[in-house]
Amino acid sequence: MNREKRSLEFYVLAIFFTVFVLFLYGPLSAVIILSFQGPDGGLTFPLNGVSLHWFANLFEKQAVGDFGASFQRSLMLGVMVMIVTVAVSLLAGLAFRRRFRGSTFLFYATVASLVVPSIIISLGIGVVFQQGGLAPAWYSSAFGAHLTWTLPFGVLIMFAVFNRFSPAYEEAARDLGATSWQTFRHVVLPMIAPSLIGVGLFGFTLSYDEFARTLMTSGTYNTLPLEIYGMTTNVTTPVLYALGTVTTLFSFTIILVALGVMTMLGRRHAKKS
């Protein structure tokens, strides 16, 4: 009876997981397939031939949209956000290892932006810049808006990492004569490096595809998500699907590279141990 019950639970979970995967990747697979339409193909099935025509069209001058420039802006913004998120999250994690006056308030102030609607934050930052006589731009106001989204996640991740980090390693290093900096550089940092890479990856991906917090803060020049959104009302060719395919492959490549680096660091740390 118990075996039959477990078997039934397994099949129910398997079906649920299969439906979830289809729901998650079904629309994405449709976009990827339609991006290989022939030169005379449209935005819907069935395919009218198979070609790479629309991928080549991405590199040609478009009547609507600027793929290259918007991609560069999103990439640069994502890297900026990633660097600051990793640095601030690491410092916050180190600082909160000890209790200090105002730590509780500072913690809740840090994560408060997670419960505020993104469009409200975008609108507020845009208004503040305009009232201050500063023109909103992707490298200033949008940069700050993205940090209100990525920093709370990074800080929470580093809190979890340091909560599981045993101070015995640091005590042993100090007993052997290591300074505070040497202890951090040679003991703490190698152990938390995979987590820092995860925080960086998280910060980059959240920034790279962020729409709502960029809407009112990007200024004159769009990032890639805003450019794609604007194109959906004007572009009537599969070039939009080709762009979606390329950006999706880029995102997966970034994730795979980060996972590869994390695995390499984990194996190197295991060998040293």
C-alpha atoms as a PDB file:
ATOM      1  CA  MET A   1       0.000   0.000   0.000  1.00  0.00           C
ATOM      2  CA  ASN A   2       2.778   2.382   0.953  1.00  0.00           C
ATOM      3  CA  ARG A   3       4.678   1.470  -2.210  1.00  0.00           C
ATOM      4  CA  GLU A   4       1.609   2.236  -4.350  1.00  0.00           C
ATOM      5  CA  LYS A   5       1.126   5.530  -2.539  1.00  0.00           C
ATOM      6  CA  ARG A   6       4.739   6.539  -3.142  1.00  0.00           C
ATOM      7  CA  SER A   7       4.431   5.523  -6.787  1.00  0.00           C
ATOM      8  CA  LEU A   8       1.298   7.659  -7.179  1.00  0.00           C
ATOM      9  CA  GLU A   9       2.999  10.648  -5.522  1.00  0.00           C
ATOM     10  CA  PHE A  10       5.995  10.240  -7.830  1.00  0.00           C
ATOM     11  CA  TYR A  11       3.825  10.265 -10.968  1.00  0.00           C
ATOM     12  CA  VAL A  12       1.829  13.263  -9.748  1.00  0.00           C
ATOM     13  CA  LEU A  13       5.023  15.216  -9.079  1.00  0.00           C
ATOM     14  CA  ALA A  14       6.489  14.130 -12.420  1.00  0.00           C
ATOM     15  CA  ILE A  15       3.391  15.313 -14.275  1.00  0.00           C
ATOM     16  CA  PHE A  16       3.402  18.603 -12.372  1.00  0.00           C
ATOM     17  CA  PHE A  17       7.077  19.175 -13.162  1.00  0.00           C
ATOM     18  CA  THR A  18       6.533  18.351 -16.843  1.00  0.00           C
ATOM     19  CA  VAL A  19       3.637  20.803 -17.095  1.00  0.00           C
ATOM     20  CA  PHE A  20       5.727  23.450 -15.325  1.00  0.00           C
ATOM     21  CA  VAL A  21       8.646  22.987 -17.743  1.00  0.00           C
ATOM     22  CA  LEU A  22       6.312  23.156 -20.753  1.00  0.00           C
ATOM     23  CA  PHE A  23       4.688  26.304 -19.390  1.00  0.00           C
ATOM     24  CA  LEU A  24       8.105  27.860 -18.716  1.00  0.00           C
ATOM     25  CA  TYR A  25       9.926  26.957 -21.918  1.00  0.00           C
ATOM     26  CA  GLY A  26       7.052  26.460 -24.361  1.00  0.00           C
ATOM     27  CA  PRO A  27       6.696  30.145 -25.345  1.00  0.00           C
ATOM     28  CA  LEU A  28      10.489  30.494 -25.473  1.00  0.00           C
ATOM     29  CA  SER A  29      10.829  27.507 -27.805  1.00  0.00           C
ATOM     30  CA  ALA A  30       8.151  28.994 -30.084  1.00  0.00           C
ATOM     31  CA  VAL A  31      10.130  32.251 -30.326  1.00  0.00           C
ATOM     32  CA  ILE A  32      13.338  30.351 -31.126  1.00  0.00           C
ATOM     33  CA  ILE A  33      11.647  28.244 -33.820  1.00  0.00           C
ATOM     34  CA  LEU A  34       9.961  31.263 -35.450  1.00  0.00           C
ATOM     35  CA  SER A  35      13.276  33.119 -35.573  1.00  0.00           C
ATOM     36  CA  PHE A  36      14.367  30.652 -38.290  1.00  0.00           C
ATOM     37  CA  GLN A  37      11.552  31.681 -40.645  1.00  0.00           C
ATOM     38  CA  GLY A  38      12.389  32.011 -44.317  1.00  0.00           C
ATOM     39  CA  PRO A  39      12.817  35.475 -45.919  1.00  0.00           C
ATOM     40  CA  ASP A  40       9.085  35.594 -46.713  1.00  0.00           C
ATOM     41  CA  GLY A  41       8.014  34.230 -43.319  1.00  0.00           C
ATOM     42  CA  GLY A  42       5.751  35.998 -40.861  1.00  0.00           C
ATOM     43  CA  LEU A  43       5.238  36.225 -37.132  1.00  0.00           C
ATOM     44  CA  THR A  44       3.156  33.081 -36.772  1.00  0.00           C
ATOM     45  CA  PHE A  45       3.197  29.407 -37.684  1.00  0.00           C
ATOM     46  CA  PRO A  46       3.531  27.617 -40.032  1.00  0.00           C
ATOM     47  CA  LEU A  47       7.116  28.258 -41.052  1.00  0.00           C
ATOM     48  CA  ASN A  48       7.531  29.609 -44.569  1.00  0.00           C
ATOM     49  CA  GLY A  49      10.899  28.046 -45.217  1.00  0.00           C
ATOM     50  CA  VAL A  50      13.921  27.790 -42.925  1.00  0.00           C
ATOM     51  CA  SER A  51      16.829  30.228 -43.016  1.00  0.00           C
ATOM     52  CA  LEU A  52      19.149  32.485 -41.026  1.00  0.00           C
ATOM     53  CA  HIS A  53      17.850  35.531 -42.878  1.00  0.00           C
ATOM     54  CA  TRP A  54      16.468  37.316 -39.834  1.00  0.00           C
ATOM     55  CA  PHE A  55      19.638  36.821 -37.822  1.00  0.00           C
ATOM     56  CA  ALA A  56      21.618  38.484 -40.625  1.00  0.00           C
ATOM     57  CA  ASN A  57      18.981  41.220 -40.661  1.00  0.00           C
ATOM     58  CA  LEU A  58      19.843  42.051 -37.060  1.00  0.00           C
ATOM     59  CA  PHE A  59      23.149  43.544 -38.218  1.00  0.00           C
ATOM     60  CA  GLU A  60      21.545  45.696 -40.891  1.00  0.00           C
ATOM     61  CA  LYS A  61      20.132  49.178 -40.363  1.00  0.00           C
ATOM     62  CA  GLN A  62      16.603  48.925 -38.993  1.00  0.00           C
ATOM     63  CA  ALA A  63      13.730  51.252 -39.738  1.00  0.00           C
ATOM     64  CA  VAL A  64      12.703  50.927 -36.080  1.00  0.00           C
ATOM     65  CA  GLY A  65      14.949  50.080 -33.141  1.00  0.00           C
ATOM     66  CA  ASP A  66      18.643  50.200 -32.437  1.00  0.00           C
ATOM     67  CA  PHE A  67      19.705  46.705 -31.400  1.00  0.00           C
ATOM     68  CA  GLY A  68      23.448  47.219 -31.087  1.00  0.00           C
ATOM     69  CA  ALA A  69      23.439  50.399 -29.019  1.00  0.00           C
ATOM     70  CA  SER A  70      20.656  49.260 -26.680  1.00  0.00           C
ATOM     71  CA  PHE A  71      22.436  45.928 -26.117  1.00  0.00           C
ATOM     72  CA  GLN A  72      25.685  47.752 -25.273  1.00  0.00           C
ATOM     73  CA  ARG A  73      23.874  49.978 -22.798  1.00  0.00           C
ATOM     74  CA  SER A  74      22.200  47.006 -21.104  1.00  0.00           C
ATOM     75  CA  LEU A  75      25.497  45.127 -20.984  1.00  0.00           C
ATOM     76  CA  MET A  76      27.422  48.055 -19.492  1.00  0.00           C
ATOM     77  CA  LEU A  77      24.646  48.791 -17.015  1.00  0.00           C
ATOM     78  CA  GLY A  78      24.502  45.133 -15.985  1.00  0.00           C
ATOM     79  CA  VAL A  79      28.266  45.025 -15.390  1.00  0.00           C
ATOM     80  CA  MET A  80      28.161  48.255 -13.350  1.00  0.00           C
ATOM     81  CA  VAL A  81      25.307  46.930 -11.223  1.00  0.00           C
ATOM     82  CA  MET A  82      27.046  43.568 -10.809  1.00  0.00           C
ATOM     83  CA  ILE A  83      30.288  45.123  -9.524  1.00  0.00           C
ATOM     84  CA  VAL A  84      28.573  47.419  -7.034  1.00  0.00           C
ATOM     85  CA  THR A  85      26.184  44.680  -5.879  1.00  0.00           C
ATOM     86  CA  VAL A  86      29.034  42.265  -5.162  1.00  0.00           C
ATOM     87  CA  ALA A  87      31.131  44.893  -3.346  1.00  0.00           C
ATOM     88  CA  VAL A  88      28.324  46.302  -1.183  1.00  0.00           C
ATOM     89  CA  SER A  89      26.836  42.878  -0.420  1.00  0.00           C
ATOM     90  CA  LEU A  90      30.225  41.577   0.696  1.00  0.00           C
ATOM     91  CA  LEU A  91      30.851  44.591   2.925  1.00  0.00           C
ATOM     92  CA  ALA A  92      27.342  44.357   4.372  1.00  0.00           C
ATOM     93  CA  GLY A  93      27.781  40.658   5.066  1.00  0.00           C
ATOM     94  CA  LEU A  94      31.043  41.323   6.898  1.00  0.00           C
ATOM     95  CA  ALA A  95      29.572  44.251   8.846  1.00  0.00           C
ATOM     96  CA  PHE A  96      26.461  42.389   9.994  1.00  0.00           C
ATOM     97  CA  ARG A  97      28.468  39.534  11.447  1.00  0.00           C
ATOM     98  CA  ARG A  98      28.485  41.633  14.610  1.00  0.00           C
ATOM     99  CA  ARG A  99      25.606  43.473  16.159  1.00  0.00           C
ATOM    100  CA  PHE A 100      25.813  47.241  16.120  1.00  0.00           C
ATOM    101  CA  ARG A 101      23.481  50.098  16.961  1.00  0.00           C
ATOM    102  CA  GLY A 102      20.892  50.619  14.251  1.00  0.00           C
ATOM    103  CA  SER A 103      21.609  47.298  12.521  1.00  0.00           C
ATOM    104  CA  THR A 104      17.967  46.201  12.624  1.00  0.00           C
ATOM    105  CA  PHE A 105      16.707  49.432  11.114  1.00  0.00           C
ATOM    106  CA  LEU A 106      19.429  49.367   8.460  1.00  0.00           C
ATOM    107  CA  PHE A 107      18.534  45.802   7.541  1.00  0.00           C
ATOM    108  CA  TYR A 108      14.841  46.550   7.053  1.00  0.00           C
ATOM    109  CA  ALA A 109      15.650  49.746   5.172  1.00  0.00           C
ATOM    110  CA  THR A 110      17.834  47.713   2.824  1.00  0.00           C
ATOM    111  CA  VAL A 111      15.189  45.131   1.950  1.00  0.00           C
ATOM    112  CA  ALA A 112      12.237  47.560   1.984  1.00  0.00           C
ATOM    113  CA  SER A 113      12.511  48.217  -1.747  1.00  0.00           C
ATOM    114  CA  LEU A 114      11.572  44.588  -2.422  1.00  0.00           C
ATOM    115  CA  VAL A 115       8.007  45.191  -1.242  1.00  0.00           C
ATOM    116  CA  VAL A 116       7.552  48.512  -3.072  1.00  0.00           C
ATOM    117  CA  PRO A 117       6.155  48.202  -6.628  1.00  0.00           C
ATOM    118  CA  SER A 118       8.973  48.599  -9.134  1.00  0.00           C
ATOM    119  CA  ILE A 119       7.144  51.192 -11.206  1.00  0.00           C
ATOM    120  CA  ILE A 120       6.708  53.384  -8.106  1.00  0.00           C
ATOM    121  CA  ILE A 121      10.456  53.320  -7.433  1.00  0.00           C
ATOM    122  CA  SER A 122      11.158  54.090 -11.085  1.00  0.00           C
ATOM    123  CA  LEU A 123       8.715  57.004 -11.039  1.00  0.00           C
ATOM    124  CA  GLY A 124      10.080  58.356  -7.750  1.00  0.00           C
ATOM    125  CA  ILE A 125      13.715  58.294  -8.855  1.00  0.00           C
ATOM    126  CA  GLY A 126      12.824  59.877 -12.188  1.00  0.00           C
ATOM    127  CA  VAL A 127      10.916  62.689 -10.484  1.00  0.00           C
ATOM    128  CA  VAL A 128      13.737  63.341  -8.006  1.00  0.00           C
ATOM    129  CA  PHE A 129      16.246  63.661 -10.849  1.00  0.00           C
ATOM    130  CA  GLN A 130      14.014  66.002 -12.807  1.00  0.00           C
ATOM    131  CA  GLN A 131      13.259  68.170  -9.762  1.00  0.00           C
ATOM    132  CA  GLY A 132      16.964  68.336  -9.049  1.00  0.00           C
ATOM    133  CA  GLY A 133      17.670  69.649 -12.522  1.00  0.00           C
ATOM    134  CA  LEU A 134      19.367  66.423 -13.631  1.00  0.00           C
ATOM    135  CA  ALA A 135      18.390  64.587 -16.787  1.00  0.00           C
ATOM    136  CA  PRO A 136      17.573  60.915 -16.136  1.00  0.00           C
ATOM    137  CA  ALA A 137      19.997  58.566 -17.892  1.00  0.00           C
ATOM    138  CA  TRP A 138      20.694  54.848 -17.996  1.00  0.00           C
ATOM    139  CA  TYR A 139      24.119  55.307 -16.335  1.00  0.00           C
ATOM    140  CA  SER A 140      22.848  57.442 -13.420  1.00  0.00           C
ATOM    141  CA  SER A 141      19.178  57.276 -12.453  1.00  0.00           C
ATOM    142  CA  ALA A 142      18.574  53.839 -13.999  1.00  0.00           C
ATOM    143  CA  PHE A 143      21.770  52.613 -12.360  1.00  0.00           C
ATOM    144  CA  GLY A 144      20.464  53.680  -8.942  1.00  0.00           C
ATOM    145  CA  ALA A 145      17.029  52.211  -9.647  1.00  0.00           C
ATOM    146  CA  HIS A 146      18.541  48.839 -10.528  1.00  0.00           C
ATOM    147  CA  LEU A 147      20.601  48.820  -7.341  1.00  0.00           C
ATOM    148  CA  THR A 148      17.400  49.142  -5.296  1.00  0.00           C
ATOM    149  CA  TRP A 149      16.445  45.804  -6.856  1.00  0.00           C
ATOM    150  CA  THR A 150      19.723  43.889  -6.814  1.00  0.00           C
ATOM    151  CA  LEU A 151      21.302  44.991  -3.532  1.00  0.00           C
ATOM    152  CA  PRO A 152      18.622  43.536  -1.216  1.00  0.00           C
ATOM    153  CA  PHE A 153      18.988  40.124  -2.863  1.00  0.00           C
ATOM    154  CA  GLY A 154      22.775  40.295  -2.717  1.00  0.00           C
ATOM    155  CA  VAL A 155      22.758  41.329   0.935  1.00  0.00           C
ATOM    156  CA  LEU A 156      20.334  38.560   1.909  1.00  0.00           C
ATOM    157  CA  ILE A 157      22.470  35.970   0.112  1.00  0.00           C
ATOM    158  CA  MET A 158      25.631  37.124   1.892  1.00  0.00           C
ATOM    159  CA  PHE A 159      23.814  37.078   5.238  1.00  0.00           C
ATOM    160  CA  ALA A 160      22.936  33.426   4.620  1.00  0.00           C
ATOM    161  CA  VAL A 161      26.533  32.662   3.587  1.00  0.00           C
ATOM    162  CA  PHE A 162      28.109  34.216   6.675  1.00  0.00           C
ATOM    163  CA  ASN A 163      25.515  32.678   8.981  1.00  0.00           C
ATOM    164  CA  ARG A 164      26.908  29.284   7.961  1.00  0.00           C
ATOM    165  CA  PHE A 165      30.535  30.418   7.980  1.00  0.00           C
ATOM    166  CA  SER A 166      32.490  29.087  10.954  1.00  0.00           C
ATOM    167  CA  PRO A 167      34.801  31.660  12.625  1.00  0.00           C
ATOM    168  CA  ALA A 168      37.101  28.804  13.592  1.00  0.00           C
ATOM    169  CA  TYR A 169      38.917  29.134  10.251  1.00  0.00           C
ATOM    170  CA  GLU A 170      39.711  32.780  10.949  1.00  0.00           C
ATOM    171  CA  GLU A 171      40.781  32.027  14.522  1.00  0.00           C
ATOM    172  CA  ALA A 172      43.137  29.337  13.269  1.00  0.00           C
ATOM    173  CA  ALA A 173      44.666  31.739  10.742  1.00  0.00           C
ATOM    174  CA  ARG A 174      45.211  34.400  13.410  1.00  0.00           C
ATOM    175  CA  ASP A 175      46.781  31.828  15.733  1.00  0.00           C
ATOM    176  CA  LEU A 176      49.278  31.146  12.946  1.00  0.00           C
ATOM    177  CA  GLY A 177      50.187  34.844  12.807  1.00  0.00           C
ATOM    178  CA  ALA A 178      48.038  36.033   9.913  1.00  0.00           C
ATOM    179  CA  THR A 179      46.861  39.637   9.911  1.00  0.00           C
ATOM    180  CA  SER A 180      43.200  40.553   9.450  1.00  0.00           C
ATOM    181  CA  TRP A 181      43.775  41.296   5.758  1.00  0.00           C
ATOM    182  CA  GLN A 182      45.711  38.056   5.203  1.00  0.00           C
ATOM    183  CA  THR A 183      42.968  36.116   6.946  1.00  0.00           C
ATOM    184  CA  PHE A 184      40.357  37.667   4.689  1.00  0.00           C
ATOM    185  CA  ARG A 185      42.453  37.344   1.523  1.00  0.00           C
ATOM    186  CA  HIS A 186      43.675  33.760   1.980  1.00  0.00           C
ATOM    187  CA  VAL A 187      40.968  32.159   4.140  1.00  0.00           C
ATOM    188  CA  VAL A 188      37.599  33.932   3.939  1.00  0.00           C
ATOM    189  CA  LEU A 189      37.607  35.109   0.331  1.00  0.00           C
ATOM    190  CA  PRO A 190      38.454  31.728  -1.296  1.00  0.00           C
ATOM    191  CA  MET A 191      35.717  30.043   0.734  1.00  0.00           C
ATOM    192  CA  ILE A 192      32.998  32.533  -0.178  1.00  0.00           C
ATOM    193  CA  ALA A 193      34.168  33.128  -3.777  1.00  0.00           C
ATOM    194  CA  PRO A 194      31.493  30.848  -5.352  1.00  0.00           C
ATOM    195  CA  SER A 195      28.807  32.726  -3.417  1.00  0.00           C
ATOM    196  CA  LEU A 196      30.186  36.063  -4.603  1.00  0.00           C
ATOM    197  CA  ILE A 197      30.053  34.822  -8.192  1.00  0.00           C
ATOM    198  CA  GLY A 198      26.441  33.817  -7.595  1.00  0.00           C
ATOM    199  CA  VAL A 199      25.647  37.286  -6.231  1.00  0.00           C
ATOM    200  CA  GLY A 200      27.333  38.859  -9.252  1.00  0.00           C
ATOM    201  CA  LEU A 201      25.410  36.637 -11.664  1.00  0.00           C
ATOM    202  CA  PHE A 202      22.175  37.408  -9.850  1.00  0.00           C
ATOM    203  CA  GLY A 203      22.848  41.153  -9.960  1.00  0.00           C
ATOM    204  CA  PHE A 204      23.776  41.108 -13.640  1.00  0.00           C
ATOM    205  CA  THR A 205      20.768  39.091 -14.788  1.00  0.00           C
ATOM    206  CA  LEU A 206      18.313  41.127 -12.705  1.00  0.00           C
ATOM    207  CA  SER A 207      19.689  44.340 -14.191  1.00  0.00           C
ATOM    208  CA  TYR A 208      20.073  43.046 -17.746  1.00  0.00           C
ATOM    209  CA  ASP A 209      16.376  42.245 -18.184  1.00  0.00           C
ATOM    210  CA  GLU A 210      14.857  44.820 -15.816  1.00  0.00           C
ATOM    211  CA  PHE A 211      12.007  46.760 -17.382  1.00  0.00           C
ATOM    212  CA  ALA A 212       9.810  48.465 -14.787  1.00  0.00           C
ATOM    213  CA  ARG A 213      12.596  50.196 -12.833  1.00  0.00           C
ATOM    214  CA  THR A 214      14.158  51.377 -16.089  1.00  0.00           C
ATOM    215  CA  LEU A 215      10.988  52.725 -17.676  1.00  0.00           C
ATOM    216  CA  MET A 216      11.023  56.156 -15.986  1.00  0.00           C
ATOM    217  CA  THR A 217      14.758  56.409 -15.359  1.00  0.00           C
ATOM    218  CA  SER A 218      16.557  55.530 -18.598  1.00  0.00           C
ATOM    219  CA  GLY A 219      16.242  58.984 -20.109  1.00  0.00           C
ATOM    220  CA  THR A 220      16.652  59.486 -23.859  1.00  0.00           C
ATOM    221  CA  TYR A 221      18.363  56.212 -24.678  1.00  0.00           C
ATOM    222  CA  ASN A 222      16.679  52.860 -24.163  1.00  0.00           C
ATOM    223  CA  THR A 223      18.142  49.728 -22.688  1.00  0.00           C
ATOM    224  CA  LEU A 224      17.505  46.458 -24.523  1.00  0.00           C
ATOM    225  CA  PRO A 225      14.266  45.492 -22.670  1.00  0.00           C
ATOM    226  CA  LEU A 226      12.779  48.928 -23.387  1.00  0.00           C
ATOM    227  CA  GLU A 227      13.923  48.742 -27.008  1.00  0.00           C
ATOM    228  CA  ILE A 228      12.309  45.331 -27.471  1.00  0.00           C
ATOM    229  CA  TYR A 229       9.085  46.536 -25.863  1.00  0.00           C
ATOM    230  CA  GLY A 230       8.992  49.558 -28.155  1.00  0.00           C
ATOM    231  CA  MET A 231       9.596  47.352 -31.178  1.00  0.00           C
ATOM    232  CA  THR A 232       6.662  45.068 -30.408  1.00  0.00           C
ATOM    233  CA  THR A 233       4.265  47.807 -31.527  1.00  0.00           C
ATOM    234  CA  ASN A 234       6.141  48.594 -34.764  1.00  0.00           C
ATOM    235  CA  VAL A 235       8.174  45.625 -36.021  1.00  0.00           C
ATOM    236  CA  THR A 236       6.145  43.112 -38.018  1.00  0.00           C
ATOM    237  CA  THR A 237       8.898  40.731 -39.091  1.00  0.00           C
ATOM    238  CA  PRO A 238      10.588  37.747 -37.373  1.00  0.00           C
ATOM    239  CA  VAL A 239      13.663  39.908 -36.751  1.00  0.00           C
ATOM    240  CA  LEU A 240      12.163  40.470 -33.304  1.00  0.00           C
ATOM    241  CA  TYR A 241      12.211  36.722 -32.686  1.00  0.00           C
ATOM    242  CA  ALA A 242      15.803  36.539 -33.908  1.00  0.00           C
ATOM    243  CA  LEU A 243      16.724  39.215 -31.389  1.00  0.00           C
ATOM    244  CA  GLY A 244      14.963  37.250 -28.651  1.00  0.00           C
ATOM    245  CA  THR A 245      16.863  34.102 -29.591  1.00  0.00           C
ATOM    246  CA  VAL A 246      20.233  35.865 -29.582  1.00  0.00           C
ATOM    247  CA  THR A 247      19.634  37.548 -26.209  1.00  0.00           C
ATOM    248  CA  THR A 248      18.377  34.270 -24.715  1.00  0.00           C
ATOM    249  CA  LEU A 249      21.493  32.418 -25.869  1.00  0.00           C
ATOM    250  CA  PHE A 250      23.614  35.237 -24.466  1.00  0.00           C
ATOM    251  CA  SER A 251      21.881  34.938 -21.085  1.00  0.00           C
ATOM    252  CA  PHE A 252      22.338  31.171 -20.954  1.00  0.00           C
ATOM    253  CA  THR A 253      25.997  31.561 -21.943  1.00  0.00           C
ATOM    254  CA  ILE A 254      26.590  33.966 -19.054  1.00  0.00           C
ATOM    255  CA  ILE A 255      24.929  31.539 -16.646  1.00  0.00           C
ATOM    256  CA  LEU A 256      26.955  28.559 -17.912  1.00  0.00           C
ATOM    257  CA  VAL A 257      30.224  30.506 -17.682  1.00  0.00           C
ATOM    258  CA  ALA A 258      29.420  31.558 -14.107  1.00  0.00           C
ATOM    259  CA  LEU A 259      28.514  27.992 -13.129  1.00  0.00           C
ATOM    260  CA  GLY A 260      31.729  26.745 -14.721  1.00  0.00           C
ATOM    261  CA  VAL A 261      33.817  29.234 -12.755  1.00  0.00           C
ATOM    262  CA  MET A 262      32.005  28.323  -9.533  1.00  0.00           C
ATOM    263  CA  THR A 263      32.636  24.619 -10.153  1.00  0.00           C
ATOM    264  CA  MET A 264      36.317  25.256 -10.884  1.00  0.00           C
ATOM    265  CA  LEU A 265      36.735  27.302  -7.705  1.00  0.00           C
ATOM    266  CA  GLY A 266      34.946  24.640  -5.675  1.00  0.00           C
ATOM    267  CA  ARG A 267      37.240  21.885  -6.981  1.00  0.00           C
ATOM    268  CA  ARG A 268      40.345  24.003  -6.381  1.00  0.00           C
ATOM    269  CA  HIS A 269      39.246  24.709  -2.804  1.00  0.00           C
ATOM    270  CA  ALA A 270      38.521  20.991  -2.260  1.00  0.00           C
ATOM    271  CA  LYS A 271      42.022  20.062  -3.461  1.00  0.00           C
ATOM    272  CA  LYS A 272      43.637  22.596  -1.109  1.00  0.00           C
ATOM    273  CA  SER A 273      41.579  21.262   1.791  1.00  0.00           C
END
